[in-house]
Amino acid sequence: MVPFLMKIMMVMVIQLLLNYNLLSSLFDLYWVNQFVHLFLLH
C-alpha cells in the first residue's frame, strides 16, 4: 500500500507542477538532469 500511495502522491505533485507552469517545470527538470549527468561524469 505504501508504494502505491507514494506513486499517487508523486502523480499529484507532478500534475500540480504542470498546471502551475509547464515550461518552467520542464526547464527545471532539464537543468536538474544536466547537473546530475555532470556530477556522475565527474
N, C-alpha and C. Protein backbone atom coordinates (compact mmCIF):
# COMPACT_ATOMS: atom_id res chain seq x y z
N MET A 1 0.83 -1.22 0.00
CA MET A 1 0.00 0.00 0.00
C MET A 1 0.86 1.26 0.00
N VAL A 2 1.95 1.23 0.73
CA VAL A 2 2.79 2.43 0.83
C VAL A 2 3.33 2.86 -0.53
N PRO A 3 3.97 1.95 -1.29
CA PRO A 3 4.47 2.34 -2.62
C PRO A 3 3.35 2.88 -3.50
N PHE A 4 2.18 2.25 -3.40
CA PHE A 4 1.05 2.69 -4.23
C PHE A 4 0.65 4.12 -3.87
N LEU A 5 0.58 4.41 -2.57
CA LEU A 5 0.22 5.76 -2.13
C LEU A 5 1.30 6.76 -2.54
N MET A 6 2.55 6.35 -2.47
CA MET A 6 3.64 7.25 -2.86
C MET A 6 3.55 7.58 -4.33
N LYS A 7 3.19 6.57 -5.14
CA LYS A 7 3.05 6.81 -6.58
C LYS A 7 1.93 7.83 -6.83
N ILE A 8 0.83 7.68 -6.11
CA ILE A 8 -0.29 8.62 -6.27
C ILE A 8 0.15 10.02 -5.87
N MET A 9 0.89 10.13 -4.77
CA MET A 9 1.37 11.44 -4.32
C MET A 9 2.27 12.06 -5.37
N MET A 10 3.16 11.27 -5.94
CA MET A 10 4.06 11.78 -6.97
C MET A 10 3.28 12.29 -8.17
N VAL A 11 2.29 11.53 -8.61
CA VAL A 11 1.47 11.94 -9.75
C VAL A 11 0.75 13.25 -9.43
N MET A 12 0.23 13.36 -8.23
CA MET A 12 -0.48 14.59 -7.84
C MET A 12 0.47 15.78 -7.85
N VAL A 13 1.66 15.60 -7.32
CA VAL A 13 2.65 16.69 -7.29
C VAL A 13 3.03 17.10 -8.70
N ILE A 14 3.25 16.11 -9.56
CA ILE A 14 3.62 16.40 -10.95
C ILE A 14 2.49 17.16 -11.64
N GLN A 15 1.25 16.73 -11.41
CA GLN A 15 0.11 17.42 -12.01
C GLN A 15 0.05 18.87 -11.54
N LEU A 16 0.29 19.11 -10.25
CA LEU A 16 0.25 20.47 -9.72
C LEU A 16 1.34 21.32 -10.37
N LEU A 17 2.54 20.74 -10.51
CA LEU A 17 3.64 21.47 -11.13
C LEU A 17 3.32 21.80 -12.58
N LEU A 18 2.77 20.82 -13.30
CA LEU A 18 2.43 21.04 -14.71
C LEU A 18 1.35 22.12 -14.83
N ASN A 19 0.37 22.06 -13.94
CA ASN A 19 -0.70 23.06 -14.00
C ASN A 19 -0.18 24.44 -13.61
N TYR A 20 0.79 24.46 -12.68
CA TYR A 20 1.33 25.75 -12.23
C TYR A 20 2.11 26.43 -13.35
N ASN A 21 3.06 25.70 -13.92
CA ASN A 21 3.85 26.29 -15.01
C ASN A 21 4.57 25.18 -15.76
N LEU A 22 4.00 24.77 -16.86
CA LEU A 22 4.54 23.67 -17.65
C LEU A 22 5.96 23.94 -18.12
N LEU A 23 6.18 25.07 -18.75
CA LEU A 23 7.50 25.37 -19.30
C LEU A 23 8.56 25.47 -18.21
N SER A 24 8.22 26.12 -17.11
CA SER A 24 9.18 26.28 -16.03
C SER A 24 9.55 24.92 -15.44
N SER A 25 8.56 24.06 -15.27
CA SER A 25 8.82 22.74 -14.70
C SER A 25 9.75 21.94 -15.61
N LEU A 26 9.45 21.97 -16.91
CA LEU A 26 10.29 21.22 -17.86
C LEU A 26 11.70 21.79 -17.88
N PHE A 27 11.80 23.10 -17.81
CA PHE A 27 13.12 23.75 -17.82
C PHE A 27 13.92 23.34 -16.59
N ASP A 28 13.26 23.33 -15.42
CA ASP A 28 13.93 22.93 -14.18
C ASP A 28 14.37 21.47 -14.27
N LEU A 29 13.50 20.60 -14.77
CA LEU A 29 13.85 19.19 -14.89
C LEU A 29 15.04 19.01 -15.83
N TYR A 30 15.06 19.79 -16.91
CA TYR A 30 16.15 19.71 -17.87
C TYR A 30 17.48 20.04 -17.20
N TRP A 31 17.53 21.14 -16.43
CA TRP A 31 18.77 21.54 -15.78
C TRP A 31 19.16 20.58 -14.66
N VAL A 32 18.15 20.06 -13.96
CA VAL A 32 18.45 19.07 -12.91
C VAL A 32 19.13 17.86 -13.54
N ASN A 33 18.61 17.40 -14.68
CA ASN A 33 19.22 16.26 -15.36
C ASN A 33 20.63 16.59 -15.81
N GLN A 34 20.84 17.81 -16.30
CA GLN A 34 22.17 18.22 -16.74
C GLN A 34 23.16 18.18 -15.58
N PHE A 35 22.76 18.72 -14.44
CA PHE A 35 23.65 18.73 -13.27
C PHE A 35 23.94 17.31 -12.79
N VAL A 36 22.92 16.47 -12.82
CA VAL A 36 23.09 15.07 -12.38
C VAL A 36 24.09 14.37 -13.30
N HIS A 37 23.98 14.57 -14.61
CA HIS A 37 24.90 13.94 -15.54
C HIS A 37 26.33 14.45 -15.32
N LEU A 38 26.47 15.75 -15.12
CA LEU A 38 27.80 16.31 -14.88
C LEU A 38 28.39 15.74 -13.59
N PHE A 39 27.56 15.65 -12.57
CA PHE A 39 28.02 15.12 -11.28
C PHE A 39 28.47 13.67 -11.42
N LEU A 40 27.69 12.87 -12.16
CA LEU A 40 28.02 11.45 -12.33
C LEU A 40 29.27 11.28 -13.20
N LEU A 41 29.41 12.15 -14.20
CA LEU A 41 30.58 12.04 -15.07
C LEU A 41 31.84 12.42 -14.33
N HIS A 42 31.75 13.39 -13.43
CA HIS A 42 32.90 13.83 -12.66
C HIS A 42 32.82 13.25 -11.26
